[in-house]
Amino acid sequence: MGQISMKISALPGSVLSENQQPIELWSFSTTPGDTALRSRLYKRIHFARALRMLATVFPSGTANSEIERRKSERMNVFGLATDEAFAGVLDELADEIVEGRGVAAGLYETLRAIDEQSELEFTIG
């Protein structure tokens, strides 16, 4: 018996369900940290690739806990002001994601494996 697969995409202004995919979660996230990180990546790489990378590194659709953890650490250890610590964390995370290191260690290998699996499914499909 065959499977039927349906995907319902959320439109702007619609209610998001709990079953959203990571890329969709990142697309619609409005928290200040998430939007600032996403914007930094959009300035450096194509938006679709940025969303894919964010979704792979932070599949829950938010980097807020990591941003807050690092921001608090910078404020406590280095005595930085909130805004300065926040900007530094965002720059650092964007660098790590683009370069595939730190929090994003193994990112490029993971993306390559996903691509290979998708190609295999398409060929077999």
C-alpha atoms as a PDB file:
ATOM      1  CA  MET A   1       0.000   0.000   0.000  1.00  0.00           C
ATOM      2  CA  GLY A   2       1.418   3.419  -0.964  1.00  0.00           C
ATOM      3  CA  GLN A   3       1.893   6.346   1.322  1.00  0.00           C
ATOM      4  CA  ILE A   4       0.307   9.714   0.821  1.00  0.00           C
ATOM      5  CA  SER A   5       2.337  12.647   2.029  1.00  0.00           C
ATOM      6  CA  MET A   6       0.921  16.126   2.447  1.00  0.00           C
ATOM      7  CA  LYS A   7       2.682  19.276   3.458  1.00  0.00           C
ATOM      8  CA  ILE A   8       0.866  22.378   4.547  1.00  0.00           C
ATOM      9  CA  SER A   9       2.968  25.511   4.467  1.00  0.00           C
ATOM     10  CA  ALA A  10       2.221  28.381   6.770  1.00  0.00           C
ATOM     11  CA  LEU A  11       1.505  31.690   5.150  1.00  0.00           C
ATOM     12  CA  PRO A  12       2.365  35.018   6.762  1.00  0.00           C
ATOM     13  CA  GLY A  13      -0.278  35.761   9.338  1.00  0.00           C
ATOM     14  CA  SER A  14      -1.324  32.139   9.763  1.00  0.00           C
ATOM     15  CA  VAL A  15      -0.949  30.103  12.918  1.00  0.00           C
ATOM     16  CA  LEU A  16       2.089  27.823  13.014  1.00  0.00           C
ATOM     17  CA  SER A  17       1.534  24.312  14.274  1.00  0.00           C
ATOM     18  CA  GLU A  18       3.819  22.273  16.510  1.00  0.00           C
ATOM     19  CA  ASN A  19       4.775  20.120  13.510  1.00  0.00           C
ATOM     20  CA  GLN A  20       6.769  22.745  11.639  1.00  0.00           C
ATOM     21  CA  GLN A  21      10.042  21.697  10.075  1.00  0.00           C
ATOM     22  CA  PRO A  22      13.292  23.345  11.297  1.00  0.00           C
ATOM     23  CA  ILE A  23      13.680  25.492   8.165  1.00  0.00           C
ATOM     24  CA  GLU A  24      10.132  26.776   8.546  1.00  0.00           C
ATOM     25  CA  LEU A  25      10.713  27.490  12.235  1.00  0.00           C
ATOM     26  CA  TRP A  26      13.804  29.505  11.359  1.00  0.00           C
ATOM     27  CA  SER A  27      11.972  31.330   8.581  1.00  0.00           C
ATOM     28  CA  PHE A  28       9.277  32.563  10.948  1.00  0.00           C
ATOM     29  CA  SER A  29      11.276  33.084  14.146  1.00  0.00           C
ATOM     30  CA  THR A  30      10.922  36.620  15.477  1.00  0.00           C
ATOM     31  CA  THR A  31      13.042  36.556  18.615  1.00  0.00           C
ATOM     32  CA  PRO A  32      15.655  39.325  18.565  1.00  0.00           C
ATOM     33  CA  GLY A  33      18.608  36.925  18.761  1.00  0.00           C
ATOM     34  CA  ASP A  34      17.318  34.607  16.063  1.00  0.00           C
ATOM     35  CA  THR A  35      16.434  37.411  13.657  1.00  0.00           C
ATOM     36  CA  ALA A  36      19.796  39.110  14.210  1.00  0.00           C
ATOM     37  CA  LEU A  37      21.713  35.859  13.646  1.00  0.00           C
ATOM     38  CA  ARG A  38      19.650  35.049  10.569  1.00  0.00           C
ATOM     39  CA  SER A  39      20.275  38.562   9.187  1.00  0.00           C
ATOM     40  CA  ARG A  40      24.013  38.253   9.721  1.00  0.00           C
ATOM     41  CA  LEU A  41      24.030  35.002   7.767  1.00  0.00           C
ATOM     42  CA  TYR A  42      21.819  36.417   4.993  1.00  0.00           C
ATOM     43  CA  LYS A  43      24.430  39.149   4.459  1.00  0.00           C
ATOM     44  CA  ARG A  44      27.143  36.536   3.979  1.00  0.00           C
ATOM     45  CA  ILE A  45      25.471  33.649   2.154  1.00  0.00           C
ATOM     46  CA  HIS A  46      22.319  32.928   0.144  1.00  0.00           C
ATOM     47  CA  PHE A  47      19.215  32.982   2.350  1.00  0.00           C
ATOM     48  CA  ALA A  48      18.187  29.400   1.474  1.00  0.00           C
ATOM     49  CA  ARG A  49      21.617  28.070   2.450  1.00  0.00           C
ATOM     50  CA  ALA A  50      21.583  30.160   5.631  1.00  0.00           C
ATOM     51  CA  LEU A  51      18.210  28.724   6.669  1.00  0.00           C
ATOM     52  CA  ARG A  52      19.376  25.207   5.895  1.00  0.00           C
ATOM     53  CA  MET A  53      22.518  25.701   7.973  1.00  0.00           C
ATOM     54  CA  LEU A  54      20.593  27.215  10.886  1.00  0.00           C
ATOM     55  CA  ALA A  55      18.064  24.372  10.759  1.00  0.00           C
ATOM     56  CA  THR A  56      20.854  21.798  10.830  1.00  0.00           C
ATOM     57  CA  VAL A  57      22.795  23.403  13.688  1.00  0.00           C
ATOM     58  CA  PHE A  58      19.709  24.416  15.698  1.00  0.00           C
ATOM     59  CA  PRO A  59      16.866  22.070  14.623  1.00  0.00           C
ATOM     60  CA  SER A  60      14.533  23.426  17.315  1.00  0.00           C
ATOM     61  CA  GLY A  61      14.246  26.614  15.253  1.00  0.00           C
ATOM     62  CA  THR A  62      16.017  28.868  17.709  1.00  0.00           C
ATOM     63  CA  ALA A  63      19.521  29.626  18.934  1.00  0.00           C
ATOM     64  CA  ASN A  64      18.196  31.665  21.836  1.00  0.00           C
ATOM     65  CA  SER A  65      19.541  29.478  24.663  1.00  0.00           C
ATOM     66  CA  GLU A  66      23.025  29.378  23.093  1.00  0.00           C
ATOM     67  CA  ILE A  67      22.951  33.128  22.471  1.00  0.00           C
ATOM     68  CA  GLU A  68      21.882  33.838  26.049  1.00  0.00           C
ATOM     69  CA  ARG A  69      24.452  31.426  27.512  1.00  0.00           C
ATOM     70  CA  ARG A  70      27.304  33.011  25.573  1.00  0.00           C
ATOM     71  CA  LYS A  71      26.071  36.533  26.227  1.00  0.00           C
ATOM     72  CA  SER A  72      25.955  35.917  29.995  1.00  0.00           C
ATOM     73  CA  GLU A  73      29.417  34.389  29.881  1.00  0.00           C
ATOM     74  CA  ARG A  74      30.847  37.424  28.055  1.00  0.00           C
ATOM     75  CA  MET A  75      29.183  39.810  30.471  1.00  0.00           C
ATOM     76  CA  ASN A  76      30.429  37.925  33.550  1.00  0.00           C
ATOM     77  CA  VAL A  77      33.938  37.038  32.371  1.00  0.00           C
ATOM     78  CA  PHE A  78      34.805  40.128  30.350  1.00  0.00           C
ATOM     79  CA  GLY A  79      32.503  42.680  31.983  1.00  0.00           C
ATOM     80  CA  LEU A  80      30.932  43.617  28.654  1.00  0.00           C
ATOM     81  CA  ALA A  81      27.732  45.623  28.382  1.00  0.00           C
ATOM     82  CA  THR A  82      24.648  43.718  27.247  1.00  0.00           C
ATOM     83  CA  ASP A  83      24.576  45.157  23.710  1.00  0.00           C
ATOM     84  CA  GLU A  84      28.293  44.631  23.190  1.00  0.00           C
ATOM     85  CA  ALA A  85      28.130  41.044  24.459  1.00  0.00           C
ATOM     86  CA  PHE A  86      25.039  40.345  22.309  1.00  0.00           C
ATOM     87  CA  ALA A  87      26.674  41.660  19.115  1.00  0.00           C
ATOM     88  CA  GLY A  88      29.868  39.729  19.815  1.00  0.00           C
ATOM     89  CA  VAL A  89      27.975  36.483  20.343  1.00  0.00           C
ATOM     90  CA  LEU A  90      26.014  36.930  17.110  1.00  0.00           C
ATOM     91  CA  ASP A  91      29.174  37.622  15.124  1.00  0.00           C
ATOM     92  CA  GLU A  92      30.895  34.618  16.693  1.00  0.00           C
ATOM     93  CA  LEU A  93      27.972  32.271  15.991  1.00  0.00           C
ATOM     94  CA  ALA A  94      27.667  33.486  12.394  1.00  0.00           C
ATOM     95  CA  ASP A  95      31.393  32.872  11.883  1.00  0.00           C
ATOM     96  CA  GLU A  96      31.156  29.384  13.386  1.00  0.00           C
ATOM     97  CA  ILE A  97      28.195  28.465  11.191  1.00  0.00           C
ATOM     98  CA  VAL A  98      29.729  29.765   7.955  1.00  0.00           C
ATOM     99  CA  GLU A  99      33.086  28.152   8.753  1.00  0.00           C
ATOM    100  CA  GLY A 100      31.610  24.887  10.092  1.00  0.00           C
ATOM    101  CA  ARG A 101      33.387  25.032  13.437  1.00  0.00           C
ATOM    102  CA  GLY A 102      32.486  25.418  17.113  1.00  0.00           C
ATOM    103  CA  VAL A 103      28.747  24.943  17.546  1.00  0.00           C
ATOM    104  CA  ALA A 104      28.590  24.043  13.835  1.00  0.00           C
ATOM    105  CA  ALA A 105      31.441  21.512  13.846  1.00  0.00           C
ATOM    106  CA  GLY A 106      30.637  18.804  11.328  1.00  0.00           C
ATOM    107  CA  LEU A 107      27.985  20.939   9.607  1.00  0.00           C
ATOM    108  CA  TYR A 108      29.331  20.508   6.084  1.00  0.00           C
ATOM    109  CA  GLU A 109      29.669  16.749   6.482  1.00  0.00           C
ATOM    110  CA  THR A 110      26.091  16.560   7.774  1.00  0.00           C
ATOM    111  CA  LEU A 111      24.757  18.637   4.875  1.00  0.00           C
ATOM    112  CA  ARG A 112      26.688  16.494   2.396  1.00  0.00           C
ATOM    113  CA  ALA A 113      25.232  13.310   3.914  1.00  0.00           C
ATOM    114  CA  ILE A 114      21.710  14.757   3.756  1.00  0.00           C
ATOM    115  CA  ASP A 115      22.248  15.676   0.101  1.00  0.00           C
ATOM    116  CA  GLU A 116      23.536  12.193  -0.711  1.00  0.00           C
ATOM    117  CA  GLN A 117      20.558  10.589   1.053  1.00  0.00           C
ATOM    118  CA  SER A 118      18.152  12.877  -0.838  1.00  0.00           C
ATOM    119  CA  GLU A 119      19.777  11.981  -4.145  1.00  0.00           C
ATOM    120  CA  LEU A 120      19.530   8.292  -3.311  1.00  0.00           C
ATOM    121  CA  GLU A 121      15.839   8.600  -2.391  1.00  0.00           C
ATOM    122  CA  PHE A 122      15.188  10.544  -5.607  1.00  0.00           C
ATOM    123  CA  THR A 123      16.935   7.882  -7.707  1.00  0.00           C
ATOM    124  CA  ILE A 124      15.141   5.004  -5.979  1.00  0.00           C
ATOM    125  CA  GLY A 125      11.854   6.901  -5.578  1.00  0.00           C
END
